[in-house]
Amino acid sequence: MTQKIALVTGASRGLGFALAQQLCSRGWHVVAVARTVGGLEELDDSVKALGLPGAGGMTLAPMDVTNDDAMRHLCRSIHDRWGGLQLWAHCAIHASALSPAPSVEMKDLDKCVATNLRATAFLVGMVDPLLREGEGTALFFDDPLPGAPFAAAYGMTKAAQIAALRSWQEETRRTGPRVLIETPAPMPTALRARFYPGEDRAVLAAPAAEAARILDKAGF
């Protein structure tokens, strides 16, 4: 395999969108996963608009990460086409509506659990063999929001997600795949706007700049 292959889950907006752009501009082929078809098409258009002769190209995969069968099929397709992965960047996340901790709706919590915990755990099992075959890296993103007021459903599932990923990180430290957990600077994403609706978004870090910084730090 000569071209590097990256899987970006949650690629239709925010940091995932910016990471997919950056990777393509650096010559990677990106498998971009998101539920929103329009967001993926916008991503594809934005990469084509760069007009870079060395751009790596993109495979759009409009799928829900909580759908086990879809994720299983995707990972099998990646294996059959490329043999493995050099990078998995996991940006798919669900944040429920703001709510005081005693008033968390169980249906909102269930959605957070399904995306932030269960889907992540399932994907770790599916993607791990692909990363081993490709001598790859799994890249995840911590968040200072857990513990913020009115963010109980998101916060508890995000904190649990990171705890599980830190376990995987320790388990694979000597054997691989490499597991990285980064904390991006605050960015003007839709997720952050839900928790900080009145803040000055002009002072926040641009997702493109954060994506470039994180990829440079990881050696990509």
N, C-alpha and C. Protein backbone atom coordinates (compact mmCIF):
# COMPACT_ATOMS: atom_id res chain seq x y z
N MET A 1 0.85 -1.18 0.00
CA MET A 1 0.00 0.00 0.00
C MET A 1 0.89 1.24 0.00
N THR A 2 0.72 2.09 -1.01
CA THR A 2 1.54 3.28 -1.10
C THR A 2 0.84 4.50 -0.53
N GLN A 3 -0.45 4.65 -0.79
CA GLN A 3 -1.19 5.80 -0.29
C GLN A 3 -1.68 5.53 1.12
N LYS A 4 -1.58 6.55 1.97
CA LYS A 4 -2.07 6.41 3.33
C LYS A 4 -3.58 6.58 3.37
N ILE A 5 -4.22 5.73 4.17
CA ILE A 5 -5.68 5.70 4.26
C ILE A 5 -6.11 6.10 5.66
N ALA A 6 -7.04 7.04 5.73
CA ALA A 6 -7.57 7.50 7.02
C ALA A 6 -9.08 7.31 7.05
N LEU A 7 -9.58 6.88 8.17
CA LEU A 7 -11.01 6.83 8.45
C LEU A 7 -11.33 7.97 9.40
N VAL A 8 -12.24 8.86 9.00
CA VAL A 8 -12.67 9.95 9.88
C VAL A 8 -14.15 9.77 10.15
N THR A 9 -14.50 9.44 11.37
CA THR A 9 -15.89 9.29 11.77
C THR A 9 -16.37 10.59 12.40
N GLY A 10 -17.52 11.07 11.92
CA GLY A 10 -17.99 12.38 12.34
C GLY A 10 -17.35 13.47 11.51
N ALA A 11 -17.36 13.29 10.18
CA ALA A 11 -16.57 14.15 9.29
C ALA A 11 -17.37 15.27 8.64
N SER A 12 -18.65 15.42 8.97
CA SER A 12 -19.47 16.36 8.22
C SER A 12 -19.43 17.78 8.75
N ARG A 13 -18.79 18.00 9.91
CA ARG A 13 -18.72 19.36 10.45
C ARG A 13 -17.63 19.43 11.51
N GLY A 14 -17.35 20.65 11.95
CA GLY A 14 -16.43 20.86 13.05
C GLY A 14 -15.04 20.32 12.82
N LEU A 15 -14.45 19.75 13.86
CA LEU A 15 -13.09 19.26 13.78
C LEU A 15 -12.96 18.10 12.81
N GLY A 16 -13.94 17.21 12.75
CA GLY A 16 -13.88 16.09 11.82
C GLY A 16 -13.81 16.55 10.38
N PHE A 17 -14.60 17.56 10.03
CA PHE A 17 -14.59 18.18 8.71
C PHE A 17 -13.20 18.72 8.40
N ALA A 18 -12.64 19.46 9.37
CA ALA A 18 -11.33 20.09 9.17
C ALA A 18 -10.22 19.05 9.07
N LEU A 19 -10.29 17.99 9.86
CA LEU A 19 -9.28 16.94 9.78
C LEU A 19 -9.32 16.25 8.42
N ALA A 20 -10.51 15.96 7.93
CA ALA A 20 -10.63 15.32 6.63
C ALA A 20 -10.05 16.21 5.53
N GLN A 21 -10.33 17.52 5.59
CA GLN A 21 -9.75 18.46 4.64
C GLN A 21 -8.23 18.43 4.68
N GLN A 22 -7.70 18.54 5.89
CA GLN A 22 -6.25 18.60 6.07
C GLN A 22 -5.58 17.32 5.56
N LEU A 23 -6.16 16.19 5.90
CA LEU A 23 -5.56 14.92 5.48
C LEU A 23 -5.55 14.79 3.97
N CYS A 24 -6.66 15.15 3.33
CA CYS A 24 -6.70 15.10 1.87
C CYS A 24 -5.65 16.02 1.26
N SER A 25 -5.50 17.21 1.84
CA SER A 25 -4.52 18.15 1.29
C SER A 25 -3.10 17.66 1.48
N ARG A 26 -2.89 16.73 2.41
CA ARG A 26 -1.57 16.16 2.65
C ARG A 26 -1.34 14.86 1.90
N GLY A 27 -2.27 14.52 1.01
CA GLY A 27 -2.09 13.35 0.16
C GLY A 27 -2.72 12.07 0.66
N TRP A 28 -3.45 12.11 1.78
CA TRP A 28 -4.13 10.93 2.29
C TRP A 28 -5.43 10.71 1.52
N HIS A 29 -5.85 9.46 1.43
CA HIS A 29 -7.20 9.15 0.99
C HIS A 29 -8.06 8.99 2.24
N VAL A 30 -9.15 9.73 2.30
CA VAL A 30 -9.98 9.78 3.50
C VAL A 30 -11.31 9.08 3.26
N VAL A 31 -11.65 8.15 4.13
CA VAL A 31 -13.00 7.58 4.19
C VAL A 31 -13.76 8.41 5.21
N ALA A 32 -14.68 9.23 4.73
CA ALA A 32 -15.38 10.20 5.58
C ALA A 32 -16.76 9.68 5.93
N VAL A 33 -17.02 9.52 7.23
CA VAL A 33 -18.27 8.94 7.71
C VAL A 33 -19.07 10.00 8.47
N ALA A 34 -20.35 10.10 8.16
CA ALA A 34 -21.27 10.96 8.90
C ALA A 34 -22.69 10.60 8.50
N ARG A 35 -23.64 10.98 9.32
CA ARG A 35 -25.04 10.74 8.98
C ARG A 35 -25.54 11.73 7.93
N THR A 36 -24.97 12.93 7.91
CA THR A 36 -25.49 14.02 7.09
C THR A 36 -24.88 13.98 5.69
N VAL A 37 -25.70 13.59 4.71
CA VAL A 37 -25.21 13.50 3.33
C VAL A 37 -24.76 14.87 2.84
N GLY A 38 -25.57 15.89 3.11
CA GLY A 38 -25.21 17.23 2.66
C GLY A 38 -23.89 17.71 3.21
N GLY A 39 -23.62 17.39 4.46
CA GLY A 39 -22.34 17.78 5.07
C GLY A 39 -21.17 17.08 4.41
N LEU A 40 -21.34 15.81 4.08
CA LEU A 40 -20.27 15.08 3.40
C LEU A 40 -20.04 15.62 1.99
N GLU A 41 -21.13 15.95 1.30
CA GLU A 41 -20.98 16.53 -0.04
C GLU A 41 -20.29 17.88 0.02
N GLU A 42 -20.61 18.67 1.05
CA GLU A 42 -19.93 19.95 1.23
C GLU A 42 -18.44 19.74 1.48
N LEU A 43 -18.12 18.73 2.27
CA LEU A 43 -16.72 18.41 2.53
C LEU A 43 -16.01 18.03 1.23
N ASP A 44 -16.63 17.17 0.45
CA ASP A 44 -16.03 16.74 -0.81
C ASP A 44 -15.82 17.93 -1.74
N ASP A 45 -16.82 18.81 -1.82
CA ASP A 45 -16.70 20.00 -2.67
C ASP A 45 -15.56 20.90 -2.20
N SER A 46 -15.43 21.04 -0.87
CA SER A 46 -14.39 21.92 -0.34
C SER A 46 -13.00 21.40 -0.65
N VAL A 47 -12.83 20.08 -0.64
CA VAL A 47 -11.53 19.49 -0.96
C VAL A 47 -11.23 19.66 -2.45
N LYS A 48 -12.23 19.42 -3.29
CA LYS A 48 -12.02 19.60 -4.73
C LYS A 48 -11.69 21.05 -5.06
N ALA A 49 -12.31 21.98 -4.31
CA ALA A 49 -12.08 23.41 -4.57
C ALA A 49 -10.66 23.84 -4.24
N LEU A 50 -9.97 23.04 -3.41
CA LEU A 50 -8.58 23.38 -3.10
C LEU A 50 -7.70 23.30 -4.34
N GLY A 51 -8.06 22.41 -5.26
CA GLY A 51 -7.32 22.30 -6.51
C GLY A 51 -5.88 21.87 -6.34
N LEU A 52 -5.62 21.04 -5.32
CA LEU A 52 -4.25 20.61 -5.06
C LEU A 52 -3.93 19.35 -5.86
N PRO A 53 -2.88 19.37 -6.68
CA PRO A 53 -2.56 18.19 -7.49
C PRO A 53 -2.19 16.98 -6.65
N GLY A 54 -1.72 17.20 -5.42
CA GLY A 54 -1.33 16.07 -4.58
C GLY A 54 -2.40 15.61 -3.63
N ALA A 55 -3.62 16.15 -3.75
CA ALA A 55 -4.69 15.77 -2.83
C ALA A 55 -5.01 14.29 -2.96
N GLY A 56 -5.34 13.68 -1.83
CA GLY A 56 -5.46 12.23 -1.81
C GLY A 56 -6.79 11.66 -2.21
N GLY A 57 -7.83 12.48 -2.25
CA GLY A 57 -9.14 11.96 -2.62
C GLY A 57 -9.95 11.51 -1.41
N MET A 58 -11.20 11.16 -1.67
CA MET A 58 -12.13 10.92 -0.58
C MET A 58 -13.18 9.89 -0.98
N THR A 59 -13.53 9.05 -0.04
CA THR A 59 -14.66 8.14 -0.17
C THR A 59 -15.71 8.58 0.84
N LEU A 60 -16.90 8.94 0.38
CA LEU A 60 -17.97 9.40 1.26
C LEU A 60 -18.78 8.20 1.74
N ALA A 61 -19.00 8.12 3.03
CA ALA A 61 -19.75 7.01 3.61
C ALA A 61 -20.85 7.56 4.51
N PRO A 62 -22.03 7.86 3.94
CA PRO A 62 -23.13 8.40 4.74
C PRO A 62 -23.76 7.31 5.60
N MET A 63 -23.26 7.17 6.80
CA MET A 63 -23.67 6.10 7.71
C MET A 63 -23.78 6.64 9.12
N ASP A 64 -24.56 5.93 9.93
CA ASP A 64 -24.72 6.23 11.34
C ASP A 64 -23.79 5.32 12.14
N VAL A 65 -22.92 5.90 12.94
CA VAL A 65 -21.96 5.07 13.69
C VAL A 65 -22.63 4.18 14.71
N THR A 66 -23.89 4.44 15.02
CA THR A 66 -24.59 3.57 15.98
C THR A 66 -25.20 2.35 15.30
N ASN A 67 -25.08 2.24 13.99
CA ASN A 67 -25.60 1.10 13.25
C ASN A 67 -24.50 0.04 13.13
N ASP A 68 -24.59 -1.00 13.92
CA ASP A 68 -23.54 -2.03 13.95
C ASP A 68 -23.31 -2.65 12.58
N ASP A 69 -24.38 -2.99 11.89
CA ASP A 69 -24.24 -3.66 10.60
C ASP A 69 -23.54 -2.77 9.58
N ALA A 70 -23.90 -1.47 9.59
CA ALA A 70 -23.27 -0.54 8.66
C ALA A 70 -21.79 -0.39 8.95
N MET A 71 -21.43 -0.30 10.22
CA MET A 71 -20.01 -0.14 10.58
C MET A 71 -19.23 -1.42 10.29
N ARG A 72 -19.85 -2.54 10.52
CA ARG A 72 -19.20 -3.81 10.22
C ARG A 72 -18.93 -3.93 8.72
N HIS A 73 -19.92 -3.56 7.92
CA HIS A 73 -19.76 -3.60 6.46
C HIS A 73 -18.69 -2.62 6.00
N LEU A 74 -18.68 -1.42 6.58
CA LEU A 74 -17.67 -0.43 6.20
C LEU A 74 -16.26 -0.95 6.48
N CYS A 75 -16.05 -1.49 7.66
CA CYS A 75 -14.71 -1.96 8.02
C CYS A 75 -14.29 -3.13 7.14
N ARG A 76 -15.23 -3.99 6.81
CA ARG A 76 -14.91 -5.09 5.89
C ARG A 76 -14.53 -4.55 4.52
N SER A 77 -15.24 -3.52 4.07
CA SER A 77 -14.93 -2.93 2.76
C SER A 77 -13.56 -2.28 2.75
N ILE A 78 -13.20 -1.62 3.86
CA ILE A 78 -11.87 -1.02 3.96
C ILE A 78 -10.80 -2.10 3.89
N HIS A 79 -11.04 -3.20 4.60
CA HIS A 79 -10.08 -4.31 4.57
C HIS A 79 -9.93 -4.87 3.16
N ASP A 80 -11.07 -5.09 2.48
CA ASP A 80 -11.01 -5.70 1.16
C ASP A 80 -10.35 -4.78 0.14
N ARG A 81 -10.53 -3.46 0.28
CA ARG A 81 -9.99 -2.53 -0.72
C ARG A 81 -8.55 -2.13 -0.44
N TRP A 82 -8.23 -1.86 0.84
CA TRP A 82 -6.91 -1.30 1.16
C TRP A 82 -6.08 -2.18 2.10
N GLY A 83 -6.71 -3.14 2.75
CA GLY A 83 -5.96 -4.03 3.63
C GLY A 83 -5.87 -3.54 5.06
N GLY A 84 -5.84 -2.25 5.26
CA GLY A 84 -5.70 -1.70 6.61
C GLY A 84 -5.82 -0.20 6.60
N LEU A 85 -5.60 0.40 7.76
CA LEU A 85 -5.67 1.84 7.94
C LEU A 85 -4.40 2.36 8.59
N GLN A 86 -4.02 3.57 8.21
CA GLN A 86 -2.92 4.25 8.89
C GLN A 86 -3.42 5.24 9.94
N LEU A 87 -4.71 5.58 9.88
CA LEU A 87 -5.26 6.52 10.86
C LEU A 87 -6.76 6.33 10.97
N TRP A 88 -7.24 6.36 12.22
CA TRP A 88 -8.67 6.50 12.51
C TRP A 88 -8.83 7.70 13.42
N ALA A 89 -9.51 8.73 12.95
CA ALA A 89 -9.80 9.91 13.76
C ALA A 89 -11.29 9.89 14.09
N HIS A 90 -11.61 9.76 15.36
CA HIS A 90 -13.01 9.57 15.79
C HIS A 90 -13.55 10.87 16.36
N CYS A 91 -14.42 11.53 15.59
CA CYS A 91 -15.00 12.81 15.99
C CYS A 91 -16.51 12.73 16.18
N ALA A 92 -17.11 11.58 15.94
CA ALA A 92 -18.56 11.45 16.07
C ALA A 92 -18.95 11.55 17.54
N ILE A 93 -19.89 12.42 17.83
CA ILE A 93 -20.29 12.66 19.21
C ILE A 93 -21.74 13.13 19.23
N HIS A 94 -22.42 12.86 20.32
CA HIS A 94 -23.79 13.37 20.49
C HIS A 94 -23.86 14.14 21.80
N ALA A 95 -24.41 15.35 21.71
CA ALA A 95 -24.65 16.17 22.90
C ALA A 95 -26.14 16.44 23.00
N SER A 96 -26.73 16.02 24.09
CA SER A 96 -28.17 16.23 24.28
C SER A 96 -28.44 17.67 24.69
N ALA A 97 -29.70 18.01 24.78
CA ALA A 97 -30.10 19.36 25.17
C ALA A 97 -29.62 19.67 26.59
N LEU A 98 -29.36 20.94 26.85
CA LEU A 98 -28.96 21.37 28.19
C LEU A 98 -30.03 20.98 29.20
N SER A 99 -29.57 20.49 30.35
CA SER A 99 -30.52 20.07 31.38
C SER A 99 -29.82 20.00 32.72
N PRO A 100 -30.47 20.45 33.81
CA PRO A 100 -29.91 20.21 35.14
C PRO A 100 -29.76 18.71 35.39
N ALA A 101 -28.76 18.33 36.14
CA ALA A 101 -28.49 16.90 36.37
C ALA A 101 -29.71 16.14 36.90
N PRO A 102 -30.51 16.72 37.84
CA PRO A 102 -31.68 15.96 38.32
C PRO A 102 -32.80 15.82 37.30
N SER A 103 -32.69 16.56 36.18
CA SER A 103 -33.78 16.56 35.20
C SER A 103 -33.38 15.92 33.87
N VAL A 104 -32.29 15.19 33.85
CA VAL A 104 -31.86 14.55 32.61
C VAL A 104 -32.93 13.58 32.13
N GLU A 105 -33.34 13.74 30.87
CA GLU A 105 -34.29 12.83 30.27
C GLU A 105 -33.57 11.54 29.87
N MET A 106 -34.15 10.40 30.23
CA MET A 106 -33.49 9.13 29.94
C MET A 106 -33.35 8.89 28.44
N LYS A 107 -34.29 9.41 27.64
CA LYS A 107 -34.14 9.23 26.18
C LYS A 107 -32.94 10.02 25.67
N ASP A 108 -32.67 11.19 26.28
CA ASP A 108 -31.49 11.96 25.89
C ASP A 108 -30.22 11.24 26.33
N LEU A 109 -30.24 10.70 27.54
CA LEU A 109 -29.08 9.96 28.03
C LEU A 109 -28.83 8.73 27.16
N ASP A 110 -29.90 8.04 26.76
CA ASP A 110 -29.75 6.85 25.93
C ASP A 110 -29.07 7.19 24.60
N LYS A 111 -29.41 8.34 24.01
CA LYS A 111 -28.77 8.75 22.76
C LYS A 111 -27.29 9.03 22.96
N CYS A 112 -26.96 9.67 24.08
CA CYS A 112 -25.55 9.93 24.38
C CYS A 112 -24.79 8.62 24.59
N VAL A 113 -25.40 7.69 25.32
CA VAL A 113 -24.77 6.40 25.55
C VAL A 113 -24.55 5.66 24.23
N ALA A 114 -25.57 5.70 23.36
CA ALA A 114 -25.48 4.97 22.09
C ALA A 114 -24.34 5.47 21.22
N THR A 115 -24.18 6.79 21.14
CA THR A 115 -23.14 7.35 20.28
C THR A 115 -21.79 7.45 20.97
N ASN A 116 -21.77 8.02 22.17
CA ASN A 116 -20.51 8.34 22.82
C ASN A 116 -19.83 7.12 23.45
N LEU A 117 -20.63 6.15 23.87
CA LEU A 117 -20.06 4.97 24.53
C LEU A 117 -20.15 3.72 23.67
N ARG A 118 -21.38 3.28 23.37
CA ARG A 118 -21.53 1.99 22.72
C ARG A 118 -20.91 1.98 21.32
N ALA A 119 -21.20 3.02 20.53
CA ALA A 119 -20.65 3.05 19.17
C ALA A 119 -19.13 3.12 19.20
N THR A 120 -18.58 3.89 20.13
CA THR A 120 -17.12 3.97 20.23
C THR A 120 -16.52 2.61 20.57
N ALA A 121 -17.14 1.93 21.55
CA ALA A 121 -16.64 0.61 21.95
C ALA A 121 -16.73 -0.38 20.79
N PHE A 122 -17.83 -0.35 20.06
CA PHE A 122 -17.99 -1.27 18.93
C PHE A 122 -16.95 -0.98 17.85
N LEU A 123 -16.75 0.30 17.56
CA LEU A 123 -15.78 0.66 16.53
C LEU A 123 -14.35 0.32 16.92
N VAL A 124 -14.02 0.45 18.18
CA VAL A 124 -12.68 0.05 18.62
C VAL A 124 -12.43 -1.41 18.24
N GLY A 125 -13.42 -2.26 18.49
CA GLY A 125 -13.28 -3.67 18.14
C GLY A 125 -13.18 -3.92 16.65
N MET A 126 -13.91 -3.13 15.86
CA MET A 126 -13.91 -3.30 14.41
C MET A 126 -12.66 -2.72 13.76
N VAL A 127 -12.20 -1.58 14.26
CA VAL A 127 -11.10 -0.85 13.61
C VAL A 127 -9.73 -1.34 14.08
N ASP A 128 -9.65 -1.88 15.27
CA ASP A 128 -8.36 -2.33 15.81
C ASP A 128 -7.61 -3.24 14.83
N PRO A 129 -8.23 -4.27 14.23
CA PRO A 129 -7.49 -5.11 13.28
C PRO A 129 -7.00 -4.34 12.06
N LEU A 130 -7.78 -3.35 11.60
CA LEU A 130 -7.37 -2.56 10.45
C LEU A 130 -6.15 -1.72 10.77
N LEU A 131 -6.12 -1.17 11.98
CA LEU A 131 -4.96 -0.37 12.40
C LEU A 131 -3.73 -1.25 12.59
N ARG A 132 -3.92 -2.44 13.08
CA ARG A 132 -2.78 -3.35 13.24
C ARG A 132 -2.20 -3.73 11.88
N GLU A 133 -3.08 -3.98 10.92
CA GLU A 133 -2.61 -4.33 9.57
C GLU A 133 -1.87 -3.16 8.93
N GLY A 134 -2.34 -1.93 9.19
CA GLY A 134 -1.74 -0.77 8.57
C GLY A 134 -0.71 -0.06 9.42
N GLU A 135 -0.36 -0.66 10.59
CA GLU A 135 0.56 -0.02 11.54
C GLU A 135 0.08 1.41 11.82
N GLY A 136 -1.20 1.51 12.14
CA GLY A 136 -1.86 2.80 12.22
C GLY A 136 -2.00 3.37 13.62
N THR A 137 -2.68 4.52 13.63
CA THR A 137 -2.90 5.31 14.84
C THR A 137 -4.40 5.57 15.00
N ALA A 138 -4.88 5.46 16.22
CA ALA A 138 -6.24 5.88 16.56
C ALA A 138 -6.15 7.21 17.28
N LEU A 139 -6.94 8.17 16.84
CA LEU A 139 -6.87 9.53 17.35
C LEU A 139 -8.23 9.93 17.92
N PHE A 140 -8.23 10.29 19.20
CA PHE A 140 -9.46 10.66 19.89
C PHE A 140 -9.30 12.04 20.53
N PHE A 141 -10.43 12.58 21.00
CA PHE A 141 -10.44 13.96 21.45
C PHE A 141 -11.15 14.10 22.79
N ASP A 142 -10.37 14.53 23.78
CA ASP A 142 -10.92 14.80 25.10
C ASP A 142 -11.59 16.17 25.08
N ASP A 143 -12.34 16.46 26.12
CA ASP A 143 -13.16 17.67 26.15
C ASP A 143 -13.23 18.15 27.59
N PRO A 144 -12.94 19.43 27.84
CA PRO A 144 -13.06 19.95 29.21
C PRO A 144 -14.49 20.16 29.67
N LEU A 145 -15.49 19.95 28.80
CA LEU A 145 -16.87 20.21 29.17
C LEU A 145 -17.42 19.30 30.27
N PRO A 146 -17.05 18.00 30.36
CA PRO A 146 -17.58 17.21 31.45
C PRO A 146 -17.38 17.91 32.80
N GLY A 147 -18.48 18.07 33.50
CA GLY A 147 -18.46 18.82 34.76
C GLY A 147 -19.03 20.22 34.61
N ALA A 148 -19.26 20.67 33.36
CA ALA A 148 -19.85 21.98 33.15
C ALA A 148 -21.33 21.95 33.52
N PRO A 149 -21.88 23.08 33.97
CA PRO A 149 -23.30 23.11 34.34
C PRO A 149 -24.20 22.69 33.18
N PHE A 150 -25.21 21.93 33.49
CA PHE A 150 -26.26 21.53 32.55
C PHE A 150 -25.76 20.61 31.44
N ALA A 151 -24.61 20.00 31.64
CA ALA A 151 -24.06 19.09 30.62
C ALA A 151 -23.92 17.67 31.15
N ALA A 152 -24.82 17.27 32.05
CA ALA A 152 -24.64 15.99 32.73
C ALA A 152 -24.68 14.80 31.78
N ALA A 153 -25.67 14.74 30.88
CA ALA A 153 -25.79 13.57 30.00
C ALA A 153 -24.59 13.46 29.07
N TYR A 154 -24.23 14.57 28.45
CA TYR A 154 -23.04 14.57 27.60
C TYR A 154 -21.79 14.31 28.42
N GLY A 155 -21.68 15.02 29.55
CA GLY A 155 -20.46 14.96 30.35
C GLY A 155 -20.16 13.58 30.88
N MET A 156 -21.18 12.89 31.40
CA MET A 156 -20.91 11.57 31.98
C MET A 156 -20.52 10.57 30.91
N THR A 157 -21.13 10.66 29.72
CA THR A 157 -20.79 9.70 28.68
C THR A 157 -19.46 10.03 28.01
N LYS A 158 -19.15 11.31 27.89
CA LYS A 158 -17.85 11.69 27.32
C LYS A 158 -16.72 11.28 28.26
N ALA A 159 -16.91 11.52 29.55
CA ALA A 159 -15.88 11.14 30.53
C ALA A 159 -15.67 9.62 30.53
N ALA A 160 -16.76 8.87 30.43
CA ALA A 160 -16.65 7.41 30.40
C ALA A 160 -15.97 6.94 29.12
N GLN A 161 -16.28 7.60 28.01
CA GLN A 161 -15.63 7.28 26.74
C GLN A 161 -14.12 7.42 26.85
N ILE A 162 -13.68 8.55 27.38
CA ILE A 162 -12.24 8.81 27.49
C ILE A 162 -11.58 7.84 28.45
N ALA A 163 -12.27 7.49 29.53
CA ALA A 163 -11.71 6.51 30.48
C ALA A 163 -11.47 5.17 29.78
N ALA A 164 -12.43 4.73 28.96
CA ALA A 164 -12.27 3.47 28.24
C ALA A 164 -11.13 3.55 27.22
N LEU A 165 -11.01 4.69 26.55
CA LEU A 165 -9.96 4.85 25.55
C LEU A 165 -8.58 4.92 26.20
N ARG A 166 -8.50 5.48 27.37
CA ARG A 166 -7.21 5.48 28.08
C ARG A 166 -6.81 4.06 28.46
N SER A 167 -7.78 3.21 28.76
CA SER A 167 -7.46 1.80 29.02
C SER A 167 -6.89 1.15 27.77
N TRP A 168 -7.52 1.39 26.62
CA TRP A 168 -7.01 0.84 25.36
C TRP A 168 -5.63 1.39 25.06
N GLN A 169 -5.43 2.66 25.36
CA GLN A 169 -4.12 3.28 25.13
C GLN A 169 -3.03 2.58 25.93
N GLU A 170 -3.32 2.26 27.18
CA GLU A 170 -2.32 1.58 28.01
C GLU A 170 -2.11 0.14 27.55
N GLU A 171 -3.19 -0.52 27.14
CA GLU A 171 -3.09 -1.91 26.70
C GLU A 171 -2.23 -2.07 25.44
N THR A 172 -2.22 -1.04 24.61
CA THR A 172 -1.54 -1.15 23.31
C THR A 172 -0.22 -0.37 23.25
N ARG A 173 0.21 0.13 24.41
CA ARG A 173 1.40 1.00 24.40
C ARG A 173 2.62 0.27 23.83
N ARG A 174 2.78 -1.01 24.11
CA ARG A 174 3.94 -1.76 23.61
C ARG A 174 3.66 -2.52 22.33
N THR A 175 2.40 -2.89 22.12
CA THR A 175 2.09 -3.77 20.99
C THR A 175 1.49 -3.04 19.81
N GLY A 176 0.97 -1.82 20.01
CA GLY A 176 0.23 -1.13 18.97
C GLY A 176 -1.18 -1.67 18.87
N PRO A 177 -2.06 -0.97 18.18
CA PRO A 177 -1.82 0.29 17.48
C PRO A 177 -1.59 1.46 18.43
N ARG A 178 -0.99 2.53 17.91
CA ARG A 178 -0.80 3.74 18.70
C ARG A 178 -2.16 4.39 18.93
N VAL A 179 -2.42 4.75 20.18
CA VAL A 179 -3.67 5.41 20.55
C VAL A 179 -3.33 6.78 21.13
N LEU A 180 -3.81 7.83 20.49
CA LEU A 180 -3.57 9.20 20.93
C LEU A 180 -4.87 9.84 21.39
N ILE A 181 -4.80 10.59 22.47
CA ILE A 181 -5.95 11.35 22.97
C ILE A 181 -5.52 12.79 23.12
N GLU A 182 -6.07 13.65 22.28
CA GLU A 182 -5.72 15.07 22.28
C GLU A 182 -6.88 15.90 22.84
N THR A 183 -6.53 17.09 23.35
CA THR A 183 -7.55 18.03 23.83
C THR A 183 -7.47 19.28 22.96
N PRO A 184 -8.36 19.42 21.99
CA PRO A 184 -8.31 20.60 21.13
C PRO A 184 -8.62 21.88 21.91
N ALA A 185 -8.13 22.99 21.41
CA ALA A 185 -8.51 24.28 21.95
C ALA A 185 -9.99 24.52 21.66
N PRO A 186 -10.65 25.35 22.45
CA PRO A 186 -12.07 25.66 22.18
C PRO A 186 -12.26 26.20 20.77
N MET A 187 -13.24 25.64 20.05
CA MET A 187 -13.50 26.02 18.67
C MET A 187 -14.96 26.41 18.51
N PRO A 188 -15.28 27.23 17.50
CA PRO A 188 -16.66 27.66 17.29
C PRO A 188 -17.50 26.60 16.58
N THR A 189 -17.64 25.43 17.21
CA THR A 189 -18.40 24.34 16.62
C THR A 189 -19.86 24.41 17.08
N ALA A 190 -20.69 23.64 16.38
CA ALA A 190 -22.10 23.58 16.76
C ALA A 190 -22.26 22.96 18.14
N LEU A 191 -21.42 22.00 18.48
CA LEU A 191 -21.51 21.38 19.80
C LEU A 191 -21.21 22.39 20.90
N ARG A 192 -20.15 23.16 20.73
CA ARG A 192 -19.80 24.13 21.76
C ARG A 192 -20.88 25.22 21.88
N ALA A 193 -21.46 25.60 20.74
CA ALA A 193 -22.49 26.65 20.77
C ALA A 193 -23.68 26.22 21.61
N ARG A 194 -23.93 24.93 21.68
CA ARG A 194 -25.05 24.45 22.49
C ARG A 194 -24.81 24.73 23.97
N PHE A 195 -23.56 24.66 24.40
CA PHE A 195 -23.25 24.84 25.82
C PHE A 195 -22.89 26.27 26.17
N TYR A 196 -22.38 27.02 25.18
CA TYR A 196 -21.98 28.41 25.43
C TYR A 196 -22.62 29.30 24.36
N PRO A 197 -23.93 29.46 24.39
CA PRO A 197 -24.61 30.18 23.30
C PRO A 197 -24.28 31.65 23.22
N GLY A 198 -23.82 32.27 24.30
CA GLY A 198 -23.59 33.71 24.27
C GLY A 198 -22.15 34.14 24.16
N GLU A 199 -21.23 33.19 24.02
CA GLU A 199 -19.82 33.58 24.04
C GLU A 199 -19.37 34.20 22.72
N ASP A 200 -18.29 34.92 22.77
CA ASP A 200 -17.71 35.55 21.58
C ASP A 200 -16.96 34.48 20.79
N ARG A 201 -17.54 34.04 19.69
CA ARG A 201 -16.94 32.95 18.92
C ARG A 201 -15.74 33.42 18.11
N ALA A 202 -15.59 34.73 17.96
CA ALA A 202 -14.47 35.26 17.18
C ALA A 202 -13.12 34.98 17.83
N VAL A 203 -13.09 34.78 19.15
CA VAL A 203 -11.82 34.56 19.84
C VAL A 203 -11.45 33.07 19.91
N LEU A 204 -12.32 32.20 19.43
CA LEU A 204 -12.06 30.77 19.50
C LEU A 204 -11.16 30.32 18.35
N ALA A 205 -10.51 29.19 18.55
CA ALA A 205 -9.58 28.67 17.54
C ALA A 205 -10.34 28.15 16.33
N ALA A 206 -9.83 28.42 15.15
CA ALA A 206 -10.43 27.92 13.92
C ALA A 206 -10.22 26.41 13.83
N PRO A 207 -11.26 25.63 13.49
CA PRO A 207 -11.09 24.18 13.35
C PRO A 207 -9.96 23.79 12.39
N ALA A 208 -9.79 24.54 11.30
CA ALA A 208 -8.72 24.20 10.34
C ALA A 208 -7.35 24.33 11.00
N ALA A 209 -7.18 25.38 11.81
CA ALA A 209 -5.89 25.57 12.49
C ALA A 209 -5.65 24.48 13.53
N GLU A 210 -6.70 24.10 14.25
CA GLU A 210 -6.55 23.03 15.25
C GLU A 210 -6.27 21.69 14.57
N ALA A 211 -6.95 21.43 13.47
CA ALA A 211 -6.70 20.18 12.75
C ALA A 211 -5.25 20.10 12.30
N ALA A 212 -4.73 21.19 11.75
CA ALA A 212 -3.34 21.20 11.30
C ALA A 212 -2.39 21.01 12.47
N ARG A 213 -2.66 21.68 13.58
CA ARG A 213 -1.79 21.56 14.76
C ARG A 213 -1.77 20.13 15.29
N ILE A 214 -2.94 19.52 15.39
CA ILE A 214 -3.03 18.17 15.94
C ILE A 214 -2.35 17.16 15.03
N LEU A 215 -2.55 17.28 13.73
CA LEU A 215 -1.91 16.35 12.79
C LEU A 215 -0.39 16.53 12.78
N ASP A 216 0.06 17.77 12.87
CA ASP A 216 1.51 18.01 12.94
C ASP A 216 2.09 17.39 14.21
N LYS A 217 1.40 17.59 15.33
CA LYS A 217 1.88 17.03 16.60
C LYS A 217 1.95 15.50 16.55
N ALA A 218 0.99 14.89 15.85
CA ALA A 218 0.96 13.43 15.76
C ALA A 218 1.93 12.88 14.72
N GLY A 219 2.57 13.78 13.98
CA GLY A 219 3.56 13.35 13.00
C GLY A 219 3.02 13.01 11.64
N PHE A 220 1.83 13.56 11.32
CA PHE A 220 1.23 13.29 10.02
C PHE A 220 1.40 14.45 9.06
